[in-house]
Amino acid sequence: MKAWLFMRSLRNKLLCTLLAIHLVMIGGVSWYFFSCYGDMIGTMKDDQLSKIADAWATNKQIPALMPLLPHADKMKSAYVVQLWDSDNHLRASSWPALQVPLQRDAGWHDVSAGDCHDCKWRVFTRSGEPGSAIKTIQVLHNIGYMKRVVVQRALSAIIPLLLMMPLSLLVIWLVVRKITRDLRAASRHIAAQETHHPHSVPPDGLPDEILPLIDAYNALLDKLRAAWSSQRQFLEDAAHELRTPVTAVTLQLENLRQHIQPGEASRQFAQLEAGVTRTRHLVTQLLDISRQEDRSALAANEHIELEEVLKESIEQLMVLADKRGIDIGYNGTARYQLQASRSDLRSLFDNLIGNAMLHTPEGSLVDVLLHRVGGQTVVDIIDNGPGMSESFIDRAFDRFTRSPDARTQGSGLGLAIVRGVAQKHRMQVSLSNRSGPQGEICGLQARVTLP
């Protein structure tokens, strides 16, 4: 399994393939050099054997040969001359201790003699010239020693290849590393894309083999951008079309309020009014989401004191707080300034504080804190509501998603708007349940960590 995962890497495949090619090449060069060099040395040695024999073939008498010097390597590499008379008796030898019998046929022979591992001999046999006292001449040289020398020369010839192999692999590794680094950079570029605003991946620095994949990815992004643009346009058009009739219905309800008599009619009128209010709020949220996704209509950033925005949001929601008897408090122990869109920040905090007031019981508390936690400035919105199931917290920021335990009605868009604003301004938003003395859930805390 580990070997399979190892070979899934393009870099590992290239390095292993190149290593195998280098080893096969070194083996092939070694064999070729050994074969060619051995043939060349063998042919040269055979020619020398025949020339030495020819030189002795015309002697009128058999001379006494001077023995070779008693040095093992010298004796193994030297040519040994044996002179035989007409009775096939060995009359002279440059190495008397070497017992190589007279060969029956003239020419070259390979024979074994002696008790060493290099005791394979190449023998050239020929007859003496007419009138010569030498009947037969044999000249020998050690084949085993010659082959050992050829092997040593072949190994020395491949040393440059062995030394070059690590350098070649290093160069290949660096090239592959550069390519994979470019691929990782492209992967990071893709991973950093915003969900609804992806950008095309630039092909600069990428190998030609990867460009078709990049082109296909960019073409897919073009299609997705077109689909999202169409969806966003539909959302905005629908919200605008709904705004006019909802506003008209709201005005009509305002006109009818004074004519509604107390009792059942008043109760049903209040329900109708609440439904219209929710519809108007939903239309506003749809327009907010549409503006967030429309990068061509970005709001201008300005220098903002965060405390002012929080107080504006609290003041805006005081009507709802008074209606439900909620005591909303603000405590700012830190100051924070940032460059941002005031309308975006208002949308973020209006939704978080509004959610806290909607889900906390009537007559309870909602606290808004601007303070430092762990070296970072954060805004905490704390309520005394029923909290949220742990399994739902991760999905709470998805569009049109509402907790199944929620006691109030809503569109499920508020937290989606909050997440969009937070991502735009590099903030982090998290939700967590507050625990009581017995471990029970006693409220929800929404934390905005500022950049």
Protein backbone atom coordinates (compact mmCIF):
# COMPACT_ATOMS: atom_id res chain seq x y z
CA MET A 1 0.00 0.00 0.00
CA LYS A 2 2.81 2.41 0.92
CA ALA A 3 4.65 1.56 -2.30
CA TRP A 4 1.48 2.29 -4.32
CA LEU A 5 1.04 5.65 -2.59
CA PHE A 6 4.73 6.40 -3.17
CA MET A 7 4.41 5.75 -6.90
CA ARG A 8 1.32 7.97 -7.18
CA SER A 9 3.66 10.96 -6.94
CA LEU A 10 4.73 12.31 -10.33
CA ARG A 11 8.07 13.34 -8.85
CA ASN A 12 8.71 9.89 -7.40
CA LYS A 13 7.75 8.24 -10.69
CA LEU A 14 10.17 10.44 -12.64
CA LEU A 15 13.02 9.91 -10.19
CA CYS A 16 12.52 6.13 -10.06
CA THR A 17 12.25 5.90 -13.85
CA LEU A 18 15.38 7.99 -14.38
CA LEU A 19 17.25 5.99 -11.76
CA ALA A 20 16.32 2.76 -13.54
CA ILE A 21 17.36 4.24 -16.91
CA HIS A 22 20.72 5.33 -15.45
CA LEU A 23 21.35 1.90 -13.96
CA VAL A 24 20.45 0.13 -17.22
CA MET A 25 22.63 2.58 -19.15
CA ILE A 26 25.57 2.02 -16.80
CA GLY A 27 25.15 -1.73 -17.09
CA GLY A 28 24.93 -1.50 -20.89
CA VAL A 29 28.00 0.73 -21.14
CA SER A 30 29.92 -1.60 -18.83
CA TRP A 31 29.04 -4.64 -20.90
CA TYR A 32 29.78 -2.87 -24.19
CA PHE A 33 33.14 -1.56 -22.96
CA PHE A 34 34.09 -4.96 -21.52
CA SER A 35 33.14 -6.73 -24.74
CA CYS A 36 34.83 -4.28 -27.12
CA TYR A 37 37.92 -3.74 -24.98
CA GLY A 38 38.25 -7.49 -24.36
CA ASP A 39 37.99 -8.25 -28.11
CA MET A 40 40.53 -5.58 -28.92
CA ILE A 41 43.01 -6.77 -26.28
CA GLY A 42 42.46 -10.41 -27.26
CA THR A 43 43.11 -9.68 -30.94
CA MET A 44 46.22 -7.67 -30.08
CA LYS A 45 47.51 -10.41 -27.77
CA ASP A 46 46.92 -13.12 -30.41
CA ASP A 47 48.82 -11.06 -32.96
CA GLN A 48 51.70 -10.62 -30.53
CA LEU A 49 51.75 -14.36 -29.81
CA SER A 50 52.04 -15.18 -33.50
CA LYS A 51 54.78 -12.59 -34.07
CA ILE A 52 56.84 -13.86 -31.15
CA ALA A 53 56.48 -17.42 -32.46
CA ASP A 54 57.48 -16.29 -35.95
CA ALA A 55 60.60 -14.65 -34.52
CA TRP A 56 61.77 -17.97 -33.00
CA ALA A 57 60.84 -20.15 -35.98
CA THR A 58 64.05 -19.46 -37.96
CA ASN A 59 66.63 -20.15 -35.21
CA LYS A 60 69.28 -22.69 -36.33
CA GLN A 61 69.79 -23.89 -32.77
CA ILE A 62 67.84 -24.04 -29.57
CA PRO A 63 69.08 -21.29 -27.20
CA ALA A 64 68.88 -21.27 -23.44
CA LEU A 65 66.02 -18.97 -22.41
CA MET A 66 66.41 -16.57 -19.49
CA PRO A 67 63.80 -17.36 -16.81
CA LEU A 68 61.24 -14.67 -15.95
CA LEU A 69 61.76 -12.60 -12.82
CA PRO A 70 60.03 -14.22 -9.84
CA HIS A 71 57.30 -11.59 -9.45
CA ALA A 72 53.72 -12.86 -9.55
CA ASP A 73 52.17 -9.98 -11.52
CA LYS A 74 55.13 -9.79 -13.90
CA MET A 75 54.94 -13.51 -14.56
CA LYS A 76 51.15 -13.41 -15.06
CA SER A 77 51.35 -10.56 -17.55
CA ALA A 78 54.46 -11.78 -19.42
CA TYR A 79 54.64 -13.91 -22.54
CA VAL A 80 55.97 -17.42 -21.94
CA VAL A 81 58.04 -19.06 -24.69
CA GLN A 82 58.45 -22.83 -24.99
CA LEU A 83 60.79 -24.47 -27.54
CA TRP A 84 60.38 -28.12 -28.46
CA ASP A 85 62.72 -30.42 -30.43
CA SER A 86 61.87 -32.97 -33.07
CA ASP A 87 61.30 -35.64 -30.39
CA ASN A 88 58.66 -33.40 -28.78
CA HIS A 89 60.85 -32.77 -25.77
CA LEU A 90 60.72 -29.37 -24.12
CA ARG A 91 64.23 -28.01 -24.64
CA ALA A 92 63.77 -24.43 -23.37
CA SER A 93 61.16 -22.41 -21.48
CA SER A 94 61.08 -18.88 -20.08
CA TRP A 95 58.98 -20.24 -17.19
CA PRO A 96 60.17 -23.78 -16.48
CA ALA A 97 57.79 -24.28 -13.61
CA LEU A 98 54.78 -23.78 -15.86
CA GLN A 99 53.62 -27.19 -17.03
CA VAL A 100 51.74 -26.64 -20.30
CA PRO A 101 51.83 -29.69 -22.61
CA LEU A 102 52.63 -29.49 -26.28
CA GLN A 103 49.50 -28.98 -28.37
CA ARG A 104 48.88 -31.41 -31.20
CA ASP A 105 47.55 -28.92 -33.68
CA ALA A 106 49.01 -25.62 -34.76
CA GLY A 107 47.14 -22.41 -34.00
CA TRP A 108 45.52 -20.89 -30.93
CA HIS A 109 44.32 -22.91 -27.97
CA ASP A 110 42.90 -22.17 -24.54
CA VAL A 111 44.29 -24.50 -21.86
CA SER A 112 44.32 -24.72 -18.09
CA ALA A 113 47.53 -25.17 -16.16
CA GLY A 114 48.67 -24.54 -12.61
CA ASP A 115 46.74 -24.34 -9.37
CA CYS A 116 45.68 -20.68 -9.28
CA HIS A 117 42.41 -18.96 -10.15
CA ASP A 118 44.13 -17.14 -13.05
CA CYS A 119 45.47 -20.36 -14.58
CA LYS A 120 43.70 -20.13 -17.94
CA TRP A 121 46.26 -19.71 -20.73
CA ARG A 122 46.12 -18.69 -24.34
CA VAL A 123 48.55 -20.79 -26.38
CA PHE A 124 49.81 -20.25 -29.93
CA THR A 125 51.52 -23.26 -31.48
CA ARG A 126 53.47 -23.38 -34.75
CA SER A 127 56.23 -25.43 -36.35
CA GLY A 128 59.72 -24.18 -36.91
CA GLU A 129 60.98 -23.25 -40.34
CA PRO A 130 62.83 -25.92 -42.41
CA GLY A 131 66.47 -26.17 -41.33
CA SER A 132 65.71 -24.81 -37.86
CA ALA A 133 66.72 -26.80 -34.79
CA ILE A 134 63.39 -25.89 -33.22
CA LYS A 135 60.66 -28.28 -34.22
CA THR A 136 57.74 -26.53 -32.45
CA ILE A 137 57.30 -23.16 -30.75
CA GLN A 138 54.60 -22.40 -28.19
CA VAL A 139 53.97 -18.88 -26.90
CA LEU A 140 51.53 -18.35 -24.03
CA HIS A 141 49.94 -15.56 -22.03
CA ASN A 142 47.58 -15.62 -19.07
CA ILE A 143 43.91 -15.21 -20.14
CA GLY A 144 42.60 -14.98 -16.57
CA TYR A 145 44.92 -12.12 -15.75
CA MET A 146 44.00 -10.36 -18.99
CA LYS A 147 40.29 -10.67 -18.29
CA ARG A 148 40.78 -9.29 -14.79
CA VAL A 149 42.61 -6.31 -16.26
CA VAL A 150 39.82 -5.79 -18.80
CA VAL A 151 37.21 -5.85 -16.01
CA GLN A 152 39.20 -3.28 -14.03
CA ARG A 153 39.49 -1.03 -17.09
CA ALA A 154 35.75 -1.39 -17.80
CA LEU A 155 34.87 -0.50 -14.21
CA SER A 156 37.19 2.51 -14.28
CA ALA A 157 35.50 3.67 -17.50
CA ILE A 158 32.05 3.76 -15.86
CA ILE A 159 33.21 5.69 -12.78
CA PRO A 160 32.37 9.04 -14.49
CA LEU A 161 28.87 7.69 -15.19
CA LEU A 162 28.46 6.65 -11.56
CA LEU A 163 29.65 10.06 -10.41
CA MET A 164 27.36 11.79 -12.89
CA MET A 165 24.26 9.83 -11.81
CA PRO A 166 23.72 11.65 -8.47
CA LEU A 167 24.29 14.98 -10.24
CA SER A 168 21.78 14.06 -12.94
CA LEU A 169 19.22 12.94 -10.38
CA LEU A 170 19.78 16.15 -8.40
CA VAL A 171 19.18 18.24 -11.52
CA ILE A 172 16.04 16.26 -12.35
CA TRP A 173 14.83 16.56 -8.75
CA LEU A 174 15.31 20.33 -8.84
CA VAL A 175 13.46 20.62 -12.16
CA VAL A 176 10.59 18.45 -10.92
CA ARG A 177 10.53 20.39 -7.66
CA LYS A 178 10.22 23.65 -9.61
CA ILE A 179 7.34 22.21 -11.64
CA THR A 180 5.56 20.81 -8.59
CA ARG A 181 6.08 24.11 -6.75
CA ASP A 182 4.32 25.89 -9.61
CA LEU A 183 1.52 23.32 -9.42
CA ARG A 184 1.24 23.80 -5.66
CA ALA A 185 1.09 27.57 -6.17
CA ALA A 186 -1.73 27.07 -8.66
CA SER A 187 -3.48 24.75 -6.16
CA ARG A 188 -3.17 27.37 -3.42
CA HIS A 189 -4.55 29.98 -5.83
CA ILE A 190 -7.54 27.74 -6.54
CA ALA A 191 -8.05 26.90 -2.84
CA ALA A 192 -8.03 30.60 -1.93
CA GLN A 193 -10.85 31.40 -4.35
CA GLU A 194 -14.01 32.84 -2.92
CA THR A 195 -16.99 30.58 -3.39
CA HIS A 196 -19.12 32.98 -5.41
CA HIS A 197 -16.33 35.10 -6.91
CA PRO A 198 -13.67 32.76 -8.35
CA HIS A 199 -10.95 34.13 -10.60
CA SER A 200 -9.26 32.44 -13.52
CA VAL A 201 -5.97 30.68 -12.80
CA PRO A 202 -3.05 32.36 -14.62
CA PRO A 203 -1.03 29.88 -16.72
CA ASP A 204 2.25 31.71 -16.12
CA GLY A 205 5.08 29.38 -15.11
CA LEU A 206 3.09 26.18 -15.56
CA PRO A 207 4.33 23.41 -17.89
CA ASP A 208 2.65 23.03 -21.27
CA GLU A 209 1.30 19.60 -20.31
CA ILE A 210 -0.77 21.19 -17.50
CA LEU A 211 -2.15 24.05 -19.59
CA PRO A 212 -5.09 22.02 -21.05
CA LEU A 213 -6.24 21.27 -17.48
CA ILE A 214 -5.92 24.95 -16.51
CA ASP A 215 -7.80 26.02 -19.65
CA ALA A 216 -10.58 23.54 -18.88
CA TYR A 217 -10.77 24.80 -15.29
CA ASN A 218 -10.92 28.44 -16.40
CA ALA A 219 -13.64 27.58 -18.95
CA LEU A 220 -15.64 25.90 -16.18
CA LEU A 221 -15.22 29.01 -14.02
CA ASP A 222 -16.57 31.16 -16.85
CA LYS A 223 -19.67 28.99 -16.99
CA LEU A 224 -20.09 29.11 -13.21
CA ARG A 225 -19.67 32.90 -13.16
CA ALA A 226 -22.30 33.22 -15.87
CA ALA A 227 -24.68 30.94 -13.91
CA TRP A 228 -24.10 32.84 -10.65
CA SER A 229 -24.53 36.17 -12.41
CA SER A 230 -27.85 34.98 -13.83
CA GLN A 231 -28.93 33.70 -10.41
CA ARG A 232 -27.89 36.94 -8.71
CA GLN A 233 -29.71 39.01 -11.31
CA PHE A 234 -32.84 36.92 -10.83
CA LEU A 235 -32.59 37.33 -7.06
CA GLU A 236 -32.18 41.08 -7.32
CA ASP A 237 -34.98 41.45 -9.86
CA ALA A 238 -37.31 39.33 -7.74
CA ALA A 239 -36.50 41.33 -4.60
CA HIS A 240 -37.08 44.63 -6.39
CA GLU A 241 -40.35 43.41 -7.86
CA LEU A 242 -41.52 42.25 -4.43
CA ARG A 243 -40.51 45.45 -2.66
CA THR A 244 -43.16 47.63 -4.36
CA PRO A 245 -46.22 45.48 -3.56
CA VAL A 246 -44.96 44.74 -0.05
CA THR A 247 -44.50 48.46 0.60
CA ALA A 248 -48.00 49.12 -0.75
CA VAL A 249 -49.48 46.42 1.51
CA THR A 250 -47.62 47.91 4.49
CA LEU A 251 -49.08 51.35 3.78
CA GLN A 252 -52.57 49.88 3.43
CA LEU A 253 -52.17 48.12 6.78
CA GLU A 254 -51.12 51.40 8.37
CA ASN A 255 -54.27 53.02 7.00
CA LEU A 256 -56.46 50.13 8.20
CA ARG A 257 -55.04 49.99 11.72
CA GLN A 258 -57.33 52.74 13.07
CA HIS A 259 -60.42 50.98 11.75
CA ILE A 260 -59.75 47.61 13.42
CA GLN A 261 -61.90 46.94 16.46
CA PRO A 262 -60.44 45.26 19.56
CA GLY A 263 -60.94 41.55 19.87
CA GLU A 264 -60.45 38.69 17.38
CA ALA A 265 -60.15 41.05 14.42
CA SER A 266 -57.36 42.96 16.14
CA ARG A 267 -55.52 39.72 16.89
CA GLN A 268 -55.73 38.49 13.30
CA PHE A 269 -54.73 41.93 12.03
CA ALA A 270 -51.65 41.79 14.23
CA GLN A 271 -50.73 38.38 12.73
CA LEU A 272 -51.21 39.78 9.23
CA GLU A 273 -49.05 42.77 10.08
CA ALA A 274 -46.31 40.51 11.50
CA GLY A 275 -46.36 38.41 8.32
CA VAL A 276 -45.99 41.49 6.13
CA THR A 277 -43.15 42.71 8.34
CA ARG A 278 -41.34 39.38 7.94
CA THR A 279 -41.88 39.53 4.18
CA ARG A 280 -40.46 43.05 4.02
CA HIS A 281 -37.48 41.90 6.11
CA LEU A 282 -36.95 38.93 3.76
CA VAL A 283 -36.96 41.23 0.71
CA THR A 284 -34.40 43.47 2.39
CA GLN A 285 -32.17 40.47 3.16
CA LEU A 286 -32.42 39.22 -0.43
CA LEU A 287 -31.28 42.62 -1.67
CA ASP A 288 -28.41 42.60 0.85
CA ILE A 289 -27.19 39.21 -0.39
CA SER A 290 -27.50 40.36 -4.00
CA ARG A 291 -25.38 43.44 -3.27
CA GLN A 292 -22.76 41.36 -1.47
CA GLU A 293 -22.34 39.08 -4.47
CA ASP A 294 -22.31 41.92 -6.99
CA ARG A 295 -18.64 42.94 -7.00
CA SER A 296 -19.32 45.62 -9.60
CA ALA A 297 -21.28 47.60 -6.98
CA LEU A 298 -18.96 47.51 -3.99
CA ALA A 299 -19.66 50.05 -1.27
CA ALA A 300 -16.90 52.53 -0.58
CA ASN A 301 -14.76 51.83 2.47
CA GLU A 302 -14.26 54.52 5.08
CA HIS A 303 -12.43 55.01 8.34
CA ILE A 304 -14.81 53.72 11.01
CA GLU A 305 -14.83 53.72 14.79
CA LEU A 306 -16.38 50.33 15.58
CA GLU A 307 -18.00 51.51 18.81
CA GLU A 308 -20.11 53.98 16.82
CA VAL A 309 -21.41 51.24 14.51
CA LEU A 310 -22.33 49.01 17.46
CA LYS A 311 -24.21 51.83 19.19
CA GLU A 312 -26.04 52.66 15.94
CA SER A 313 -27.17 49.03 15.58
CA ILE A 314 -28.34 48.91 19.22
CA GLU A 315 -30.22 52.18 18.82
CA GLN A 316 -31.86 50.94 15.61
CA LEU A 317 -33.09 47.80 17.43
CA MET A 318 -34.25 49.51 20.61
CA VAL A 319 -37.84 49.50 19.32
CA LEU A 320 -37.78 45.68 19.14
CA ALA A 321 -36.05 45.50 22.54
CA ASP A 322 -38.70 47.71 24.18
CA LYS A 323 -41.50 45.77 22.54
CA ARG A 324 -40.22 42.48 24.00
CA GLY A 325 -39.07 43.97 27.31
CA ILE A 326 -35.43 43.05 26.65
CA ASP A 327 -32.66 44.89 28.46
CA ILE A 328 -29.89 45.32 25.88
CA GLY A 329 -26.57 46.45 27.32
CA TYR A 330 -23.31 47.59 25.78
CA ASN A 331 -19.88 47.41 27.38
CA GLY A 332 -16.87 48.60 25.39
CA THR A 333 -13.50 48.13 27.13
CA ALA A 334 -11.50 48.36 23.89
CA ARG A 335 -11.32 50.73 20.98
CA TYR A 336 -11.03 49.53 17.41
CA GLN A 337 -10.85 51.41 14.11
CA LEU A 338 -10.88 49.90 10.65
CA GLN A 339 -11.33 50.64 6.96
CA ALA A 340 -14.64 49.09 5.93
CA SER A 341 -18.07 49.73 4.47
CA ARG A 342 -20.35 51.18 7.14
CA SER A 343 -23.43 49.65 5.52
CA ASP A 344 -21.76 46.21 5.53
CA LEU A 345 -20.85 46.47 9.21
CA ARG A 346 -24.34 47.65 10.07
CA SER A 347 -25.79 44.69 8.19
CA LEU A 348 -23.50 42.28 10.08
CA PHE A 349 -24.20 43.59 13.58
CA ASP A 350 -27.90 44.34 12.92
CA ASN A 351 -28.40 40.67 12.03
CA LEU A 352 -26.41 39.29 14.99
CA ILE A 353 -27.98 41.60 17.60
CA GLY A 354 -31.43 41.21 16.03
CA ASN A 355 -31.14 37.40 16.14
CA ALA A 356 -30.10 37.57 19.80
CA MET A 357 -33.15 39.68 20.69
CA LEU A 358 -35.51 37.43 18.71
CA HIS A 359 -34.33 34.18 20.29
CA THR A 360 -33.93 35.32 23.90
CA PRO A 361 -37.02 35.15 26.17
CA GLU A 362 -39.04 38.28 26.77
CA GLY A 363 -37.86 40.32 29.73
CA SER A 364 -34.29 38.88 29.62
CA LEU A 365 -30.90 40.34 28.74
CA VAL A 366 -28.76 40.74 25.63
CA ASP A 367 -25.17 41.93 26.12
CA VAL A 368 -22.93 43.44 23.43
CA LEU A 369 -19.23 43.45 24.42
CA LEU A 370 -16.30 45.06 22.63
CA HIS A 371 -13.18 43.79 24.39
CA ARG A 372 -9.83 42.02 24.09
CA VAL A 373 -9.59 38.23 24.30
CA GLY A 374 -6.32 36.38 23.89
CA GLY A 375 -4.54 39.35 22.34
CA GLN A 376 -7.31 39.99 19.77
CA THR A 377 -10.17 42.44 19.69
CA VAL A 378 -13.56 40.71 19.54
CA VAL A 379 -17.24 41.62 19.63
CA ASP A 380 -19.41 39.23 21.65
CA ILE A 381 -23.22 39.23 21.40
CA ILE A 382 -24.61 37.16 24.28
CA ASP A 383 -28.24 36.16 24.84
CA ASN A 384 -30.17 34.05 27.34
CA GLY A 385 -32.03 32.00 24.75
CA PRO A 386 -32.28 28.23 24.25
CA GLY A 387 -29.01 28.08 22.35
CA MET A 388 -28.44 25.87 19.35
CA SER A 389 -27.80 22.16 18.90
CA GLU A 390 -24.12 21.38 18.37
CA SER A 391 -24.88 19.44 15.19
CA PHE A 392 -26.58 22.50 13.69
CA ILE A 393 -23.95 25.14 14.54
CA ASP A 394 -21.75 24.21 11.56
CA ARG A 395 -24.69 24.62 9.17
CA ALA A 396 -26.13 27.74 10.77
CA PHE A 397 -24.44 30.06 8.25
CA ASP A 398 -25.91 28.32 5.19
CA ARG A 399 -28.64 30.12 3.29
CA PHE A 400 -32.26 29.37 4.11
CA THR A 401 -31.18 27.15 6.99
CA ARG A 402 -33.06 27.45 10.26
CA SER A 403 -32.60 25.53 13.45
CA PRO A 404 -35.36 22.94 13.98
CA ASP A 405 -35.47 24.05 17.64
CA ALA A 406 -36.08 27.73 16.80
CA ARG A 407 -39.20 29.17 18.41
CA THR A 408 -39.39 32.23 16.16
CA GLN A 409 -39.93 32.44 12.45
CA GLY A 410 -37.24 33.76 10.13
CA SER A 411 -35.90 33.55 6.62
CA GLY A 412 -32.64 31.73 7.38
CA LEU A 413 -30.65 34.42 5.56
CA GLY A 414 -29.37 36.56 8.42
CA LEU A 415 -26.31 34.45 9.30
CA ALA A 416 -25.53 33.92 5.61
CA ILE A 417 -25.35 37.71 5.24
CA VAL A 418 -23.16 37.88 8.35
CA ARG A 419 -20.73 35.32 6.93
CA GLY A 420 -20.52 37.16 3.61
CA VAL A 421 -19.66 40.48 5.27
CA ALA A 422 -17.14 38.79 7.60
CA GLN A 423 -15.32 37.10 4.71
CA LYS A 424 -15.24 40.35 2.76
CA HIS A 425 -13.57 42.23 5.64
CA ARG A 426 -11.34 39.33 6.82
CA MET A 427 -13.26 38.80 10.04
CA GLN A 428 -14.10 35.50 11.72
CA VAL A 429 -17.55 34.71 13.09
CA SER A 430 -18.29 31.80 15.40
CA LEU A 431 -21.26 30.57 17.42
CA SER A 432 -21.08 28.71 20.73
CA ASN A 433 -23.52 27.67 23.42
CA ARG A 434 -23.18 29.05 26.93
CA SER A 435 -23.32 26.52 29.75
CA GLY A 436 -24.92 27.00 33.16
CA PRO A 437 -23.73 25.73 36.56
CA GLN A 438 -25.22 22.28 35.93
CA GLY A 439 -23.92 22.07 32.37
CA GLU A 440 -27.24 23.06 30.85
CA ILE A 441 -27.43 25.43 27.87
CA CYS A 442 -28.31 28.92 29.04
CA GLY A 443 -27.80 31.02 25.93
CA LEU A 444 -25.84 31.54 22.73
CA GLN A 445 -22.71 33.59 22.17
CA ALA A 446 -21.89 35.01 18.74
CA ARG A 447 -18.23 36.14 18.50
CA VAL A 448 -16.81 38.37 15.77
CA THR A 449 -13.00 38.26 15.77
CA LEU A 450 -11.66 41.41 14.13
CA PRO A 451 -8.64 41.38 11.84
